[in-house]
Amino acid sequence: GDVYDDNPIWTRLSRYISLIFKGAYRKKSNKGFGHKAFLVDL
């Protein structure tokens, strides 16, 4: 939600990096959002 909100770029990027470290972009079959979400969120 913070990545997609009207936040400063450094806020959006910091949330995106947090998602990476939390394993958010693993395969959907491994409890993640998947590689497409990785690219779109970036």
PDB file of all heavy atoms in Angstrom:
ATOM      1  N   GLY A   1       0.823  -1.206   0.000  1.00  0.00           N
ATOM      2  CA  GLY A   1       0.000   0.000   0.000  1.00  0.00           C
ATOM      3  C   GLY A   1       0.856   1.253   0.000  1.00  0.00           C
ATOM      4  O   GLY A   1       0.546   2.233  -0.687  1.00  0.00           O
ATOM      5  N   ASP A   2       1.956   1.244   0.747  1.00  0.00           N
ATOM      6  CA  ASP A   2       2.874   2.391   0.769  1.00  0.00           C
ATOM      7  C   ASP A   2       3.611   2.552  -0.556  1.00  0.00           C
ATOM      8  O   ASP A   2       3.903   3.667  -0.981  1.00  0.00           O
ATOM      9  CB  ASP A   2       3.890   2.232   1.906  1.00  0.00           C
ATOM     10  CG  ASP A   2       3.289   2.518   3.269  1.00  0.00           C
ATOM     11  OD1 ASP A   2       2.199   3.122   3.317  1.00  0.00           O
ATOM     12  OD2 ASP A   2       3.894   2.117   4.280  1.00  0.00           O
ATOM     13  N   VAL A   3       3.930   1.418  -1.210  1.00  0.00           N
ATOM     14  CA  VAL A   3       4.588   1.486  -2.523  1.00  0.00           C
ATOM     15  C   VAL A   3       3.672   2.164  -3.533  1.00  0.00           C
ATOM     16  O   VAL A   3       4.119   2.969  -4.367  1.00  0.00           O
ATOM     17  CB  VAL A   3       4.970   0.073  -3.010  1.00  0.00           C
ATOM     18  CG1 VAL A   3       5.400   0.098  -4.483  1.00  0.00           C
ATOM     19  CG2 VAL A   3       6.083  -0.512  -2.145  1.00  0.00           C
ATOM     20  N   TYR A   4       2.374   1.896  -3.466  1.00  0.00           N
ATOM     21  CA  TYR A   4       1.418   2.414  -4.449  1.00  0.00           C
ATOM     22  C   TYR A   4       0.823   3.754  -4.036  1.00  0.00           C
ATOM     23  O   TYR A   4       0.098   4.373  -4.822  1.00  0.00           O
ATOM     24  CB  TYR A   4       0.305   1.383  -4.680  1.00  0.00           C
ATOM     25  CG  TYR A   4       0.742   0.255  -5.580  1.00  0.00           C
ATOM     26  CD1 TYR A   4       1.619  -0.735  -5.120  1.00  0.00           C
ATOM     27  CD2 TYR A   4       0.318   0.170  -6.899  1.00  0.00           C
ATOM     28  CE1 TYR A   4       2.043  -1.758  -5.954  1.00  0.00           C
ATOM     29  CE2 TYR A   4       0.736  -0.847  -7.736  1.00  0.00           C
ATOM     30  CZ  TYR A   4       1.602  -1.806  -7.248  1.00  0.00           C
ATOM     31  OH  TYR A   4       2.032  -2.809  -8.077  1.00  0.00           O
ATOM     32  N   ASP A   5       1.121   4.221  -2.843  1.00  0.00           N
ATOM     33  CA  ASP A   5       0.586   5.501  -2.371  1.00  0.00           C
ATOM     34  C   ASP A   5       1.411   6.658  -2.937  1.00  0.00           C
ATOM     35  O   ASP A   5       2.500   6.464  -3.490  1.00  0.00           O
ATOM     36  CB  ASP A   5       0.592   5.535  -0.843  1.00  0.00           C
ATOM     37  CG  ASP A   5      -0.491   6.456  -0.294  1.00  0.00           C
ATOM     38  OD1 ASP A   5      -1.092   7.217  -1.091  1.00  0.00           O
ATOM     39  OD2 ASP A   5      -0.740   6.401   0.923  1.00  0.00           O
ATOM     40  N   ASP A   6       0.904   7.846  -2.770  1.00  0.00           N
ATOM     41  CA  ASP A   6       1.576   9.051  -3.281  1.00  0.00           C
ATOM     42  C   ASP A   6       2.640   9.505  -2.284  1.00  0.00           C
ATOM     43  O   ASP A   6       2.584  10.613  -1.740  1.00  0.00           O
ATOM     44  CB  ASP A   6       0.536  10.136  -3.529  1.00  0.00           C
ATOM     45  CG  ASP A   6       1.113  11.326  -4.288  1.00  0.00           C
ATOM     46  OD1 ASP A   6       2.159  11.149  -4.947  1.00  0.00           O
ATOM     47  OD2 ASP A   6       0.516  12.422  -4.210  1.00  0.00           O
ATOM     48  N   ASN A   7       3.617   8.647  -2.067  1.00  0.00           N
ATOM     49  CA  ASN A   7       4.713   8.922  -1.133  1.00  0.00           C
ATOM     50  C   ASN A   7       5.949   9.375  -1.898  1.00  0.00           C
ATOM     51  O   ASN A   7       6.067   9.134  -3.105  1.00  0.00           O
ATOM     52  CB  ASN A   7       5.061   7.652  -0.335  1.00  0.00           C
ATOM     53  CG  ASN A   7       3.994   7.291   0.680  1.00  0.00           C
ATOM     54  OD1 ASN A   7       3.513   8.157   1.407  1.00  0.00           O
ATOM     55  ND2 ASN A   7       3.618   6.016   0.728  1.00  0.00           N
ATOM     56  N   PRO A   8       6.920  10.007  -1.206  1.00  0.00           N
ATOM     57  CA  PRO A   8       8.200  10.324  -1.851  1.00  0.00           C
ATOM     58  C   PRO A   8       8.868   9.044  -2.348  1.00  0.00           C
ATOM     59  O   PRO A   8       8.653   7.957  -1.799  1.00  0.00           O
ATOM     60  CB  PRO A   8       9.004  10.977  -0.728  1.00  0.00           C
ATOM     61  CG  PRO A   8       7.994  11.462   0.247  1.00  0.00           C
ATOM     62  CD  PRO A   8       6.862  10.496   0.183  1.00  0.00           C
ATOM     63  N   ILE A   9       9.691   9.169  -3.358  1.00  0.00           N
ATOM     64  CA  ILE A   9      10.312   8.004  -3.979  1.00  0.00           C
ATOM     65  C   ILE A   9      11.130   7.202  -2.983  1.00  0.00           C
ATOM     66  O   ILE A   9      11.141   5.966  -3.028  1.00  0.00           O
ATOM     67  CB  ILE A   9      11.186   8.418  -5.197  1.00  0.00           C
ATOM     68  CG1 ILE A   9      11.738   7.156  -5.888  1.00  0.00           C
ATOM     69  CG2 ILE A   9      12.285   9.392  -4.802  1.00  0.00           C
ATOM     70  CD1 ILE A   9      12.443   7.444  -7.201  1.00  0.00           C
ATOM     71  N   TRP A  10      11.807   7.870  -2.052  1.00  0.00           N
ATOM     72  CA  TRP A  10      12.627   7.112  -1.091  1.00  0.00           C
ATOM     73  C   TRP A  10      11.764   6.289  -0.136  1.00  0.00           C
ATOM     74  O   TRP A  10      12.174   5.230   0.318  1.00  0.00           O
ATOM     75  CB  TRP A  10      13.568   8.058  -0.316  1.00  0.00           C
ATOM     76  CG  TRP A  10      12.880   9.212   0.355  1.00  0.00           C
ATOM     77  CD1 TRP A  10      12.263   9.235   1.558  1.00  0.00           C
ATOM     78  CD2 TRP A  10      12.749  10.530  -0.178  1.00  0.00           C
ATOM     79  NE1 TRP A  10      11.753  10.476   1.845  1.00  0.00           N
ATOM     80  CE2 TRP A  10      12.043  11.301   0.787  1.00  0.00           C
ATOM     81  CE3 TRP A  10      13.170  11.167  -1.365  1.00  0.00           C
ATOM     82  CZ2 TRP A  10      11.741  12.652   0.594  1.00  0.00           C
ATOM     83  CZ3 TRP A  10      12.872  12.507  -1.545  1.00  0.00           C
ATOM     84  CH2 TRP A  10      12.162  13.226  -0.587  1.00  0.00           C
ATOM     85  N   THR A  11      10.553   6.781   0.151  1.00  0.00           N
ATOM     86  CA  THR A  11       9.634   5.993   0.988  1.00  0.00           C
ATOM     87  C   THR A  11       9.164   4.765   0.220  1.00  0.00           C
ATOM     88  O   THR A  11       9.152   3.652   0.751  1.00  0.00           O
ATOM     89  CB  THR A  11       8.423   6.840   1.412  1.00  0.00           C
ATOM     90  OG1 THR A  11       8.879   7.974   2.163  1.00  0.00           O
ATOM     91  CG2 THR A  11       7.463   6.023   2.279  1.00  0.00           C
ATOM     92  N   ARG A  12       8.784   4.979  -1.032  1.00  0.00           N
ATOM     93  CA  ARG A  12       8.317   3.848  -1.850  1.00  0.00           C
ATOM     94  C   ARG A  12       9.413   2.804  -2.008  1.00  0.00           C
ATOM     95  O   ARG A  12       9.172   1.597  -1.876  1.00  0.00           O
ATOM     96  CB  ARG A  12       7.860   4.343  -3.232  1.00  0.00           C
ATOM     97  CG  ARG A  12       6.688   5.318  -3.192  1.00  0.00           C
ATOM     98  CD  ARG A  12       6.044   5.465  -4.569  1.00  0.00           C
ATOM     99  NE  ARG A  12       6.989   5.867  -5.608  1.00  0.00           N
ATOM    100  CZ  ARG A  12       7.191   7.130  -5.998  1.00  0.00           C
ATOM    101  NH1 ARG A  12       6.546   8.126  -5.383  1.00  0.00           N
ATOM    102  NH2 ARG A  12       8.035   7.404  -6.990  1.00  0.00           N
ATOM    103  N   LEU A  13      10.634   3.252  -2.270  1.00  0.00           N
ATOM    104  CA  LEU A  13      11.741   2.312  -2.465  1.00  0.00           C
ATOM    105  C   LEU A  13      12.080   1.568  -1.177  1.00  0.00           C
ATOM    106  O   LEU A  13      12.408   0.379  -1.209  1.00  0.00           O
ATOM    107  CB  LEU A  13      12.968   3.050  -2.994  1.00  0.00           C
ATOM    108  CG  LEU A  13      12.927   3.410  -4.488  1.00  0.00           C
ATOM    109  CD1 LEU A  13      14.067   4.358  -4.837  1.00  0.00           C
ATOM    110  CD2 LEU A  13      13.007   2.139  -5.343  1.00  0.00           C
ATOM    111  N   SER A  14      12.022   2.267  -0.042  1.00  0.00           N
ATOM    112  CA  SER A  14      12.349   1.601   1.232  1.00  0.00           C
ATOM    113  C   SER A  14      11.329   0.511   1.549  1.00  0.00           C
ATOM    114  O   SER A  14      11.684  -0.563   2.040  1.00  0.00           O
ATOM    115  CB  SER A  14      12.412   2.620   2.375  1.00  0.00           C
ATOM    116  OG  SER A  14      11.129   3.149   2.673  1.00  0.00           O
ATOM    117  N   ARG A  15      10.036   0.772   1.225  1.00  0.00           N
ATOM    118  CA  ARG A  15       9.013  -0.252   1.450  1.00  0.00           C
ATOM    119  C   ARG A  15       9.221  -1.431   0.497  1.00  0.00           C
ATOM    120  O   ARG A  15       9.036  -2.589   0.867  1.00  0.00           O
ATOM    121  CB  ARG A  15       7.608   0.330   1.236  1.00  0.00           C
ATOM    122  CG  ARG A  15       7.268   1.489   2.147  1.00  0.00           C
ATOM    123  CD  ARG A  15       7.306   1.095   3.625  1.00  0.00           C
ATOM    124  NE  ARG A  15       6.759   2.136   4.459  1.00  0.00           N
ATOM    125  CZ  ARG A  15       7.453   3.148   4.977  1.00  0.00           C
ATOM    126  NH1 ARG A  15       8.775   3.225   4.749  1.00  0.00           N
ATOM    127  NH2 ARG A  15       6.884   4.056   5.727  1.00  0.00           N
ATOM    128  N   TYR A  16       9.617  -1.115  -0.725  1.00  0.00           N
ATOM    129  CA  TYR A  16       9.876  -2.155  -1.714  1.00  0.00           C
ATOM    130  C   TYR A  16      11.041  -3.041  -1.280  1.00  0.00           C
ATOM    131  O   TYR A  16      10.956  -4.277  -1.361  1.00  0.00           O
ATOM    132  CB  TYR A  16      10.173  -1.506  -3.067  1.00  0.00           C
ATOM    133  CG  TYR A  16      10.512  -2.471  -4.171  1.00  0.00           C
ATOM    134  CD1 TYR A  16       9.553  -3.324  -4.708  1.00  0.00           C
ATOM    135  CD2 TYR A  16      11.803  -2.528  -4.695  1.00  0.00           C
ATOM    136  CE1 TYR A  16       9.868  -4.205  -5.728  1.00  0.00           C
ATOM    137  CE2 TYR A  16      12.130  -3.407  -5.715  1.00  0.00           C
ATOM    138  CZ  TYR A  16      11.158  -4.249  -6.229  1.00  0.00           C
ATOM    139  OH  TYR A  16      11.475  -5.127  -7.236  1.00  0.00           O
ATOM    140  N   ILE A  17      12.085  -2.424  -0.776  1.00  0.00           N
ATOM    141  CA  ILE A  17      13.246  -3.192  -0.288  1.00  0.00           C
ATOM    142  C   ILE A  17      12.846  -4.057   0.907  1.00  0.00           C
ATOM    143  O   ILE A  17      13.278  -5.208   1.033  1.00  0.00           O
ATOM    144  CB  ILE A  17      14.405  -2.240   0.066  1.00  0.00           C
ATOM    145  CG1 ILE A  17      14.946  -1.602  -1.229  1.00  0.00           C
ATOM    146  CG2 ILE A  17      15.520  -2.978   0.795  1.00  0.00           C
ATOM    147  CD1 ILE A  17      15.880  -0.439  -0.989  1.00  0.00           C
ATOM    148  N   SER A  18      12.006  -3.503   1.784  1.00  0.00           N
ATOM    149  CA  SER A  18      11.514  -4.288   2.930  1.00  0.00           C
ATOM    150  C   SER A  18      10.758  -5.526   2.448  1.00  0.00           C
ATOM    151  O   SER A  18      10.900  -6.613   3.016  1.00  0.00           O
ATOM    152  CB  SER A  18      10.596  -3.427   3.807  1.00  0.00           C
ATOM    153  OG  SER A  18      11.312  -2.385   4.420  1.00  0.00           O
ATOM    154  N   LEU A  19       9.963  -5.351   1.403  1.00  0.00           N
ATOM    155  CA  LEU A  19       9.217  -6.482   0.855  1.00  0.00           C
ATOM    156  C   LEU A  19      10.162  -7.549   0.317  1.00  0.00           C
ATOM    157  O   LEU A  19       9.925  -8.753   0.500  1.00  0.00           O
ATOM    158  CB  LEU A  19       8.281  -6.001  -0.258  1.00  0.00           C
ATOM    159  CG  LEU A  19       7.004  -5.290   0.216  1.00  0.00           C
ATOM    160  CD1 LEU A  19       6.370  -4.493  -0.920  1.00  0.00           C
ATOM    161  CD2 LEU A  19       6.014  -6.305   0.779  1.00  0.00           C
ATOM    162  N   ILE A  20      11.238  -7.126  -0.321  1.00  0.00           N
ATOM    163  CA  ILE A  20      12.222  -8.081  -0.830  1.00  0.00           C
ATOM    164  C   ILE A  20      12.811  -8.905   0.310  1.00  0.00           C
ATOM    165  O   ILE A  20      12.887 -10.138   0.237  1.00  0.00           O
ATOM    166  CB  ILE A  20      13.341  -7.351  -1.600  1.00  0.00           C
ATOM    167  CG1 ILE A  20      12.789  -6.744  -2.892  1.00  0.00           C
ATOM    168  CG2 ILE A  20      14.490  -8.316  -1.918  1.00  0.00           C
ATOM    169  CD1 ILE A  20      13.781  -5.883  -3.634  1.00  0.00           C
ATOM    170  N   PHE A  21      13.201  -8.232   1.393  1.00  0.00           N
ATOM    171  CA  PHE A  21      13.812  -8.936   2.516  1.00  0.00           C
ATOM    172  C   PHE A  21      12.818  -9.832   3.257  1.00  0.00           C
ATOM    173  O   PHE A  21      13.224 -10.801   3.904  1.00  0.00           O
ATOM    174  CB  PHE A  21      14.450  -7.939   3.485  1.00  0.00           C
ATOM    175  CG  PHE A  21      15.795  -7.442   3.030  1.00  0.00           C
ATOM    176  CD1 PHE A  21      15.952  -6.155   2.548  1.00  0.00           C
ATOM    177  CD2 PHE A  21      16.914  -8.274   3.060  1.00  0.00           C
ATOM    178  CE1 PHE A  21      17.198  -5.692   2.119  1.00  0.00           C
ATOM    179  CE2 PHE A  21      18.149  -7.828   2.636  1.00  0.00           C
ATOM    180  CZ  PHE A  21      18.297  -6.539   2.155  1.00  0.00           C
ATOM    181  N   LYS A  22      11.538  -9.524   3.143  1.00  0.00           N
ATOM    182  CA  LYS A  22      10.519 -10.362   3.773  1.00  0.00           C
ATOM    183  C   LYS A  22      10.122 -11.550   2.882  1.00  0.00           C
ATOM    184  O   LYS A  22       9.255 -12.332   3.243  1.00  0.00           O
ATOM    185  CB  LYS A  22       9.276  -9.524   4.093  1.00  0.00           C
ATOM    186  CG  LYS A  22       9.478  -8.540   5.229  1.00  0.00           C
ATOM    187  CD  LYS A  22       8.210  -7.749   5.495  1.00  0.00           C
ATOM    188  CE  LYS A  22       8.407  -6.766   6.639  1.00  0.00           C
ATOM    189  NZ  LYS A  22       8.629  -7.434   7.931  1.00  0.00           N
ATOM    190  N   GLY A  23      10.761 -11.663   1.719  1.00  0.00           N
ATOM    191  CA  GLY A  23      10.461 -12.779   0.826  1.00  0.00           C
ATOM    192  C   GLY A  23       9.159 -12.623   0.075  1.00  0.00           C
ATOM    193  O   GLY A  23       8.561 -13.617  -0.368  1.00  0.00           O
ATOM    194  N   ALA A  24       8.694 -11.367  -0.101  1.00  0.00           N
ATOM    195  CA  ALA A  24       7.378 -11.135  -0.696  1.00  0.00           C
ATOM    196  C   ALA A  24       7.292 -11.570  -2.150  1.00  0.00           C
ATOM    197  O   ALA A  24       6.197 -11.855  -2.642  1.00  0.00           O
ATOM    198  CB  ALA A  24       7.016  -9.653  -0.580  1.00  0.00           C
ATOM    199  N   TYR A  25       8.432 -11.647  -2.838  1.00  0.00           N
ATOM    200  CA  TYR A  25       8.393 -11.909  -4.275  1.00  0.00           C
ATOM    201  C   TYR A  25       8.836 -13.325  -4.646  1.00  0.00           C
ATOM    202  O   TYR A  25       9.192 -13.588  -5.797  1.00  0.00           O
ATOM    203  CB  TYR A  25       9.217 -10.851  -5.004  1.00  0.00           C
ATOM    204  CG  TYR A  25       8.706  -9.453  -4.725  1.00  0.00           C
ATOM    205  CD1 TYR A  25       9.477  -8.542  -3.989  1.00  0.00           C
ATOM    206  CD2 TYR A  25       7.453  -9.060  -5.154  1.00  0.00           C
ATOM    207  CE1 TYR A  25       8.996  -7.272  -3.716  1.00  0.00           C
ATOM    208  CE2 TYR A  25       6.957  -7.797  -4.882  1.00  0.00           C
ATOM    209  CZ  TYR A  25       7.740  -6.909  -4.162  1.00  0.00           C
ATOM    210  OH  TYR A  25       7.260  -5.646  -3.884  1.00  0.00           O
ATOM    211  N   ARG A  26       8.787 -14.207  -3.676  1.00  0.00           N
ATOM    212  CA  ARG A  26       8.968 -15.614  -4.012  1.00  0.00           C
ATOM    213  C   ARG A  26       7.815 -16.077  -4.897  1.00  0.00           C
ATOM    214  O   ARG A  26       6.818 -15.376  -5.052  1.00  0.00           O
ATOM    215  CB  ARG A  26       9.005 -16.461  -2.729  1.00  0.00           C
ATOM    216  CG  ARG A  26      10.239 -16.231  -1.870  1.00  0.00           C
ATOM    217  CD  ARG A  26      10.156 -17.018  -0.580  1.00  0.00           C
ATOM    218  NE  ARG A  26       9.009 -16.621   0.227  1.00  0.00           N
ATOM    219  CZ  ARG A  26       8.924 -16.802   1.539  1.00  0.00           C
ATOM    220  NH1 ARG A  26       9.903 -17.405   2.189  1.00  0.00           N
ATOM    221  NH2 ARG A  26       7.865 -16.407   2.196  1.00  0.00           N
ATOM    222  N   LYS A  27       7.945 -17.267  -5.446  1.00  0.00           N
ATOM    223  CA  LYS A  27       6.858 -17.809  -6.245  1.00  0.00           C
ATOM    224  C   LYS A  27       5.574 -17.869  -5.421  1.00  0.00           C
ATOM    225  O   LYS A  27       5.613 -18.056  -4.197  1.00  0.00           O
ATOM    226  CB  LYS A  27       7.203 -19.222  -6.730  1.00  0.00           C
ATOM    227  CG  LYS A  27       8.295 -19.280  -7.778  1.00  0.00           C
ATOM    228  CD  LYS A  27       8.515 -20.722  -8.211  1.00  0.00           C
ATOM    229  CE  LYS A  27       9.562 -20.815  -9.310  1.00  0.00           C
ATOM    230  NZ  LYS A  27       9.759 -22.216  -9.748  1.00  0.00           N
ATOM    231  N   LYS A  28       4.446 -17.737  -6.103  1.00  0.00           N
ATOM    232  CA  LYS A  28       3.168 -17.844  -5.402  1.00  0.00           C
ATOM    233  C   LYS A  28       3.039 -19.199  -4.716  1.00  0.00           C
ATOM    234  O   LYS A  28       2.457 -19.303  -3.636  1.00  0.00           O
ATOM    235  CB  LYS A  28       2.019 -17.644  -6.391  1.00  0.00           C
ATOM    236  CG  LYS A  28       1.888 -16.225  -6.903  1.00  0.00           C
ATOM    237  CD  LYS A  28       0.697 -16.110  -7.845  1.00  0.00           C
ATOM    238  CE  LYS A  28       0.570 -14.697  -8.378  1.00  0.00           C
ATOM    239  NZ  LYS A  28      -0.584 -14.572  -9.315  1.00  0.00           N
ATOM    240  N   SER A  29       3.599 -20.230  -5.359  1.00  0.00           N
ATOM    241  CA  SER A  29       3.532 -21.567  -4.768  1.00  0.00           C
ATOM    242  C   SER A  29       4.382 -21.691  -3.512  1.00  0.00           C
ATOM    243  O   SER A  29       4.266 -22.655  -2.769  1.00  0.00           O
ATOM    244  CB  SER A  29       3.978 -22.615  -5.796  1.00  0.00           C
ATOM    245  OG  SER A  29       5.276 -22.314  -6.276  1.00  0.00           O
ATOM    246  N   ASN A  30       5.241 -20.689  -3.278  1.00  0.00           N
ATOM    247  CA  ASN A  30       6.073 -20.669  -2.073  1.00  0.00           C
ATOM    248  C   ASN A  30       5.756 -19.441  -1.219  1.00  0.00           C
ATOM    249  O   ASN A  30       6.624 -18.813  -0.644  1.00  0.00           O
ATOM    250  CB  ASN A  30       7.560 -20.673  -2.459  1.00  0.00           C
ATOM    251  CG  ASN A  30       8.461 -20.981  -1.282  1.00  0.00           C
ATOM    252  OD1 ASN A  30       8.050 -21.639  -0.329  1.00  0.00           O
ATOM    253  ND2 ASN A  30       9.690 -20.492  -1.329  1.00  0.00           N
ATOM    254  N   LYS A  31       4.437 -19.083  -1.211  1.00  0.00           N
ATOM    255  CA  LYS A  31       3.907 -18.057  -0.310  1.00  0.00           C
ATOM    256  C   LYS A  31       4.342 -16.636  -0.660  1.00  0.00           C
ATOM    257  O   LYS A  31       4.381 -15.765   0.207  1.00  0.00           O
ATOM    258  CB  LYS A  31       4.264 -18.370   1.151  1.00  0.00           C
ATOM    259  CG  LYS A  31       3.887 -19.769   1.615  1.00  0.00           C
ATOM    260  CD  LYS A  31       4.270 -19.978   3.075  1.00  0.00           C
ATOM    261  CE  LYS A  31       3.889 -21.361   3.546  1.00  0.00           C
ATOM    262  NZ  LYS A  31       4.574 -22.430   2.830  1.00  0.00           N
ATOM    263  N   GLY A  32       4.668 -16.381  -1.905  1.00  0.00           N
ATOM    264  CA  GLY A  32       5.026 -15.034  -2.321  1.00  0.00           C
ATOM    265  C   GLY A  32       4.016 -14.450  -3.285  1.00  0.00           C
ATOM    266  O   GLY A  32       2.993 -15.058  -3.600  1.00  0.00           O
ATOM    267  N   PHE A  33       4.302 -13.235  -3.772  1.00  0.00           N
ATOM    268  CA  PHE A  33       3.433 -12.586  -4.748  1.00  0.00           C
ATOM    269  C   PHE A  33       3.852 -12.910  -6.181  1.00  0.00           C
ATOM    270  O   PHE A  33       3.127 -12.608  -7.124  1.00  0.00           O
ATOM    271  CB  PHE A  33       3.461 -11.060  -4.561  1.00  0.00           C
ATOM    272  CG  PHE A  33       2.903 -10.599  -3.247  1.00  0.00           C
ATOM    273  CD1 PHE A  33       3.649  -9.793  -2.403  1.00  0.00           C
ATOM    274  CD2 PHE A  33       1.627 -10.956  -2.859  1.00  0.00           C
ATOM    275  CE1 PHE A  33       3.132  -9.355  -1.197  1.00  0.00           C
ATOM    276  CE2 PHE A  33       1.098 -10.529  -1.649  1.00  0.00           C
ATOM    277  CZ  PHE A  33       1.854  -9.721  -0.807  1.00  0.00           C
ATOM    278  N   GLY A  34       5.049 -13.476  -6.383  1.00  0.00           N
ATOM    279  CA  GLY A  34       5.495 -13.877  -7.697  1.00  0.00           C
ATOM    280  C   GLY A  34       6.381 -12.851  -8.388  1.00  0.00           C
ATOM    281  O   GLY A  34       6.475 -11.695  -7.976  1.00  0.00           O
ATOM    282  N   HIS A  35       7.044 -13.310  -9.473  1.00  0.00           N
ATOM    283  CA  HIS A  35       8.022 -12.464 -10.156  1.00  0.00           C
ATOM    284  C   HIS A  35       7.373 -11.300 -10.885  1.00  0.00           C
ATOM    285  O   HIS A  35       7.974 -10.235 -11.039  1.00  0.00           O
ATOM    286  CB  HIS A  35       8.843 -13.300 -11.144  1.00  0.00           C
ATOM    287  CG  HIS A  35       8.058 -13.796 -12.319  1.00  0.00           C
ATOM    288  ND1 HIS A  35       7.265 -14.920 -12.268  1.00  0.00           N
ATOM    289  CD2 HIS A  35       7.932 -13.300 -13.578  1.00  0.00           C
ATOM    290  CE1 HIS A  35       6.698 -15.112 -13.443  1.00  0.00           C
ATOM    291  NE2 HIS A  35       7.077 -14.146 -14.257  1.00  0.00           N
ATOM    292  N   LYS A  36       6.130 -11.455 -11.366  1.00  0.00           N
ATOM    293  CA  LYS A  36       5.456 -10.349 -12.040  1.00  0.00           C
ATOM    294  C   LYS A  36       5.240  -9.191 -11.066  1.00  0.00           C
ATOM    295  O   LYS A  36       5.444  -8.018 -11.420  1.00  0.00           O
ATOM    296  CB  LYS A  36       4.122 -10.810 -12.613  1.00  0.00           C
ATOM    297  CG  LYS A  36       3.430  -9.727 -13.448  1.00  0.00           C
ATOM    298  CD  LYS A  36       2.030 -10.131 -13.870  1.00  0.00           C
ATOM    299  CE  LYS A  36       2.035 -11.285 -14.821  1.00  0.00           C
ATOM    300  NZ  LYS A  36       0.672 -11.608 -15.315  1.00  0.00           N
ATOM    301  N   ALA A  37       4.845  -9.507  -9.837  1.00  0.00           N
ATOM    302  CA  ALA A  37       4.664  -8.468  -8.825  1.00  0.00           C
ATOM    303  C   ALA A  37       5.982  -7.777  -8.508  1.00  0.00           C
ATOM    304  O   ALA A  37       6.028  -6.564  -8.266  1.00  0.00           O
ATOM    305  CB  ALA A  37       4.063  -9.076  -7.553  1.00  0.00           C
ATOM    306  N   PHE A  38       7.081  -8.552  -8.509  1.00  0.00           N
ATOM    307  CA  PHE A  38       8.415  -7.985  -8.281  1.00  0.00           C
ATOM    308  C   PHE A  38       8.709  -6.877  -9.295  1.00  0.00           C
ATOM    309  O   PHE A  38       9.154  -5.777  -8.943  1.00  0.00           O
ATOM    310  CB  PHE A  38       9.461  -9.094  -8.373  1.00  0.00           C
ATOM    311  CG  PHE A  38      10.882  -8.616  -8.342  1.00  0.00           C
ATOM    312  CD1 PHE A  38      11.515  -8.310  -7.141  1.00  0.00           C
ATOM    313  CD2 PHE A  38      11.602  -8.460  -9.520  1.00  0.00           C
ATOM    314  CE1 PHE A  38      12.836  -7.868  -7.119  1.00  0.00           C
ATOM    315  CE2 PHE A  38      12.922  -8.028  -9.513  1.00  0.00           C
ATOM    316  CZ  PHE A  38      13.538  -7.726  -8.304  1.00  0.00           C
ATOM    317  N   LEU A  39       8.443  -7.148 -10.571  1.00  0.00           N
ATOM    318  CA  LEU A  39       8.737  -6.182 -11.627  1.00  0.00           C
ATOM    319  C   LEU A  39       7.770  -4.992 -11.594  1.00  0.00           C
ATOM    320  O   LEU A  39       8.181  -3.828 -11.730  1.00  0.00           O
ATOM    321  CB  LEU A  39       8.676  -6.878 -12.993  1.00  0.00           C
ATOM    322  CG  LEU A  39       9.720  -7.971 -13.220  1.00  0.00           C
ATOM    323  CD1 LEU A  39       9.456  -8.698 -14.531  1.00  0.00           C
ATOM    324  CD2 LEU A  39      11.126  -7.383 -13.205  1.00  0.00           C
ATOM    325  N   VAL A  40       6.483  -5.271 -11.404  1.00  0.00           N
ATOM    326  CA  VAL A  40       5.492  -4.196 -11.383  1.00  0.00           C
ATOM    327  C   VAL A  40       5.709  -3.279 -10.183  1.00  0.00           C
ATOM    328  O   VAL A  40       5.669  -2.045 -10.308  1.00  0.00           O
ATOM    329  CB  VAL A  40       4.063  -4.779 -11.381  1.00  0.00           C
ATOM    330  CG1 VAL A  40       3.036  -3.675 -11.184  1.00  0.00           C
ATOM    331  CG2 VAL A  40       3.786  -5.518 -12.681  1.00  0.00           C
ATOM    332  N   ASP A  41       5.974  -3.858  -9.010  1.00  0.00           N
ATOM    333  CA  ASP A  41       6.197  -3.040  -7.816  1.00  0.00           C
ATOM    334  C   ASP A  41       7.463  -2.197  -7.941  1.00  0.00           C
ATOM    335  O   ASP A  41       7.512  -1.062  -7.461  1.00  0.00           O
ATOM    336  CB  ASP A  41       6.276  -3.924  -6.566  1.00  0.00           C
ATOM    337  CG  ASP A  41       4.912  -4.483  -6.157  1.00  0.00           C
ATOM    338  OD1 ASP A  41       3.936  -4.247  -6.901  1.00  0.00           O
ATOM    339  OD2 ASP A  41       4.837  -5.164  -5.117  1.00  0.00           O
ATOM    340  N   LEU A  42       8.483  -2.759  -8.591  1.00  0.00           N
ATOM    341  CA  LEU A  42       9.701  -1.977  -8.837  1.00  0.00           C
ATOM    342  C   LEU A  42       9.380  -0.786  -9.731  1.00  0.00           C
ATOM    343  O   LEU A  42       9.809   0.349  -9.469  1.00  0.00           O
ATOM    344  CB  LEU A  42      10.765  -2.858  -9.491  1.00  0.00           C
ATOM    345  CG  LEU A  42      12.051  -2.137  -9.940  1.00  0.00           C
ATOM    346  CD1 LEU A  42      12.750  -1.477  -8.756  1.00  0.00           C
ATOM    347  CD2 LEU A  42      12.986  -3.114 -10.658  1.00  0.00           C
TER     348      LEU A  42
END
